[in-house]
Protein backbone atom coordinates (compact mmCIF):
# COMPACT_ATOMS: atom_id res chain seq x y z
CA MET A 1 160.49 -38.38 123.98
CA ALA A 2 158.70 -36.55 126.54
CA LEU A 3 159.98 -33.28 125.37
CA HIS A 4 158.87 -34.05 121.99
CA GLY A 5 155.54 -34.92 122.21
CA ARG A 6 154.95 -32.05 124.88
CA LEU A 7 156.24 -29.95 121.83
CA ASN A 8 153.73 -31.61 119.37
CA THR A 9 150.81 -31.32 121.80
CA LEU A 10 151.15 -27.44 122.15
CA ALA A 11 151.41 -27.00 118.14
CA ALA A 12 148.02 -29.07 118.03
CA LEU A 13 146.80 -26.68 120.47
CA ALA A 14 148.06 -23.74 118.42
CA ILE A 15 146.51 -24.63 115.50
CA ALA A 16 143.04 -25.42 117.41
CA VAL A 17 143.06 -22.07 118.41
CA VAL A 18 143.70 -20.14 115.09
CA ALA A 19 141.30 -22.59 113.39
CA ALA A 20 138.42 -21.32 115.87
CA LEU A 21 139.68 -17.76 115.56
CA GLY A 22 139.51 -17.90 111.84
CA GLY A 23 135.97 -19.34 112.14
CA CYS A 24 134.65 -16.63 114.46
CA GLY A 25 136.33 -14.12 111.90
CA ALA A 26 134.04 -15.65 108.91
CA LYS A 27 131.19 -15.60 111.22
CA ASP A 28 131.30 -12.06 111.91
CA ASP A 29 132.36 -10.42 108.53
CA ALA A 30 129.27 -12.43 107.55
CA ALA A 31 126.76 -10.90 110.14
CA SER A 32 128.22 -7.50 109.10
CA GLU A 33 127.26 -7.65 105.42
CA PRO A 34 123.89 -6.33 104.62
CA PRO A 35 121.09 -9.03 103.77
CA PRO A 36 120.43 -9.49 99.69
CA THR A 37 117.79 -7.30 98.50
CA THR A 38 115.19 -8.54 96.20
CA PRO A 39 115.40 -6.26 92.68
CA GLN A 40 112.20 -4.24 92.30
CA THR A 41 110.62 -2.94 89.07
CA ASP A 42 109.80 1.03 88.95
CA LEU A 43 106.46 1.97 89.70
CA PRO A 44 104.85 4.98 89.05
CA THR A 45 104.66 7.61 91.96
CA THR A 46 101.79 9.85 90.62
CA THR A 47 98.76 9.00 88.77
CA SER A 48 98.20 11.32 85.55
CA THR A 49 94.18 12.54 85.38
CA THR A 50 92.33 14.76 83.54
CA PRO A 51 91.14 17.85 85.49
CA PRO A 52 87.49 18.44 85.51
CA PRO A 53 86.14 21.50 82.72
CA THR A 54 86.00 24.56 84.71
CA GLY A 55 83.40 27.59 84.14
CA GLY A 56 80.38 25.36 84.00
CA GLU A 57 78.81 22.61 84.93
CA THR A 58 80.40 19.42 83.99
CA SER A 59 77.14 16.86 84.39
CA PRO A 60 73.14 18.18 83.63
CA PRO A 61 71.07 19.15 86.45
CA ASN A 62 67.88 17.50 87.27
CA GLN A 63 65.12 19.04 85.23
CA ASP A 64 61.38 17.91 85.41
CA ASN A 65 60.64 20.90 83.55
CA ARG A 66 62.65 20.72 80.57
CA CYS A 67 61.51 22.73 77.47
CA THR A 68 60.07 20.52 74.83
CA ALA A 69 59.51 21.29 71.26
CA GLU A 70 55.86 22.31 71.57
CA MET A 71 56.77 24.73 74.20
CA LEU A 72 59.41 26.35 71.94
CA SER A 73 59.57 28.97 68.86
CA GLY A 74 62.77 30.26 67.14
CA THR A 75 64.24 32.40 64.94
CA VAL A 76 67.82 32.29 63.34
CA GLU A 77 69.47 35.64 63.88
CA PRO A 78 72.51 36.91 61.24
CA GLN A 79 75.45 38.17 63.01
CA ASP A 80 78.71 39.80 61.58
CA ALA A 81 80.41 37.86 58.87
CA GLY A 82 83.73 38.26 57.05
CA ALA A 83 86.71 35.90 55.17
CA GLY A 84 84.69 33.11 54.37
CA ASN A 85 83.19 32.64 57.73
CA ARG A 86 79.37 33.46 58.92
CA TYR A 87 78.02 33.71 62.23
CA ALA A 88 74.62 33.97 63.75
CA THR A 89 72.48 33.38 66.66
CA LEU A 90 69.64 31.17 67.34
CA VAL A 91 66.67 32.30 69.69
CA VAL A 92 64.32 30.33 71.02
CA THR A 93 61.48 31.64 72.84
CA ASN A 94 59.00 30.09 75.51
CA LYS A 95 55.45 30.39 73.86
CA THR A 96 54.01 29.02 76.58
CA LYS A 97 52.64 30.35 80.38
CA GLN A 98 54.60 27.62 81.99
CA LEU A 99 58.36 27.79 83.31
CA CYS A 100 60.74 25.53 81.51
CA THR A 101 64.52 24.89 81.01
CA LEU A 102 67.27 24.11 79.01
CA TRP A 103 70.61 22.89 79.90
CA GLY A 104 73.44 22.30 77.13
CA TYR A 105 73.39 22.33 73.35
CA GLY A 106 70.64 20.41 71.98
CA GLY A 107 70.47 19.57 68.07
CA LEU A 108 70.17 21.07 64.58
CA GLU A 109 69.51 19.69 61.31
CA LEU A 110 69.77 21.74 58.10
CA PHE A 111 67.19 20.92 55.36
CA ASP A 112 66.59 22.36 51.69
CA GLU A 113 63.90 24.05 49.90
CA THR A 114 62.18 20.34 49.15
CA ARG A 115 62.42 20.00 52.79
CA THR A 116 65.32 17.28 52.22
CA ALA A 117 67.72 17.06 55.00
CA ILE A 118 71.00 18.19 54.15
CA PRO A 119 74.64 17.37 55.54
CA THR A 120 74.81 18.66 58.89
CA GLN A 121 77.43 18.45 61.36
CA ALA A 122 76.84 20.31 64.28
CA GLU A 123 79.94 20.66 66.61
CA ARG A 124 80.07 22.07 69.84
CA ASN A 125 82.13 25.07 71.20
CA LEU A 126 82.93 25.25 74.81
CA ASP A 127 82.39 28.81 75.04
CA PRO A 128 80.47 29.56 77.02
CA ARG A 129 80.07 26.27 78.83
CA PRO A 130 76.71 24.78 79.95
CA SER A 131 74.61 26.23 82.64
CA LEU A 132 70.84 25.72 83.53
CA VAL A 133 68.63 28.39 81.59
CA THR A 134 65.13 29.02 83.09
CA LEU A 135 62.34 30.47 80.73
CA ALA A 136 59.83 31.89 82.05
CA ALA A 137 56.83 32.76 79.89
CA GLY A 138 57.83 34.56 76.79
CA ALA A 139 61.57 34.55 77.83
CA SER A 140 64.17 33.80 75.45
CA ALA A 141 67.70 31.94 75.28
CA SER A 142 70.17 32.08 72.66
CA LYS A 143 73.15 29.89 71.20
CA THR A 144 75.89 31.12 68.58
CA LEU A 145 76.28 29.15 65.57
CA HIS A 146 79.26 29.48 63.28
CA TRP A 147 80.33 28.08 59.76
CA SER A 148 81.97 28.44 56.46
CA VAL A 149 81.20 29.38 53.24
CA VAL A 150 84.73 28.15 51.50
CA ALA A 151 84.69 24.92 50.12
CA THR A 152 86.93 22.22 51.39
CA GLY A 153 88.04 18.71 50.39
CA ASP A 154 86.30 17.51 47.19
CA GLU A 155 83.54 19.99 47.57
CA PRO A 156 83.08 22.12 44.33
CA THR A 157 84.62 25.43 44.10
CA ASP A 158 82.68 26.45 40.85
CA GLY A 159 79.26 26.56 42.66
CA PRO A 160 77.80 25.85 45.72
CA CYS A 161 79.77 23.94 48.19
CA GLN A 162 76.49 21.81 49.60
CA PRO A 163 73.16 22.24 48.99
CA PRO A 164 71.58 25.71 49.66
CA ALA A 165 69.60 25.36 53.00
CA THR A 166 66.33 27.06 53.52
CA GLY A 167 65.66 25.88 56.71
CA ALA A 168 66.54 23.76 59.92
CA GLN A 169 65.27 21.42 62.34
CA VAL A 170 65.99 22.72 65.96
CA LEU A 171 66.03 19.92 68.96
CA PRO A 172 65.90 21.48 72.62
CA PRO A 173 68.60 19.32 74.53
CA ASP A 174 67.81 16.08 75.52
CA GLU A 175 64.51 15.84 73.52
CA THR A 176 64.47 13.82 70.19
CA GLU A 177 61.26 15.98 68.96
CA GLY A 178 62.01 19.07 66.96
CA PHE A 179 60.64 22.27 65.91
CA GLU A 180 61.61 24.37 62.59
CA VAL A 181 63.07 27.59 61.76
CA ASP A 182 64.13 29.37 58.73
CA PHE A 183 67.66 28.86 57.57
CA ASP A 184 67.88 31.38 54.90
CA PHE A 185 71.93 31.43 54.58
CA GLY A 186 72.55 29.67 51.47
CA PRO A 187 74.86 26.60 51.67
CA VAL A 188 77.03 25.39 54.55
CA CYS A 189 80.62 24.37 53.66
CA ALA A 190 82.76 21.87 55.03
CA GLN A 191 80.01 18.83 54.60
CA GLY A 192 77.78 21.19 56.93
CA ARG A 193 80.12 21.87 60.06
CA ILE A 194 78.42 24.34 62.30
CA GLU A 195 79.89 25.04 65.51
CA THR A 196 77.30 25.77 68.13
CA SER A 197 77.36 26.84 71.50
CA ALA A 198 75.16 25.91 74.64
CA TYR A 199 72.15 27.70 75.46
CA PHE A 200 72.81 30.75 77.57
CA PRO A 201 70.18 33.40 79.02
CA ASN A 202 69.23 36.71 77.03
């Protein structure tokens, strides 16, 4: 009986040792596993931006001496024409003895022989870009004009596409009052669409 009891005791101790070793292995395995990661959504690594325009100023400079309508006179001088396109140059002159400046495009509105406004869509051309133009007394600046004489859309093709223009109201940049110039070039098609550049020095 003593021998049998001793054997049972040894067997129990062996089982306890095996269990203890198994527990340690489980802990070691758990410690060796990488920690769980939290799923992440894809984030942009770069931000898309539009580069600023180059080749000219992007915002108007401070101007304490802008050219007003009262200070300017103007003429529209024809240029080469072809394939239904017409080109001209609007030339404005400082008629005072005071220096003034222009920056940008200004406005343009056509009218007919009865001085009634007719459709005009002045669209900006970025060649050249705006730059500050300083006009001394008697000095001039220009802007280019381009339009079509080919009827588009629902415009008539068996007569003038639009009422013929005889003159134009010119608004200097950043001004609300204009001055008049002759514009005796007939109708401007495409609902009076005229491409204009910014003013540039002569």
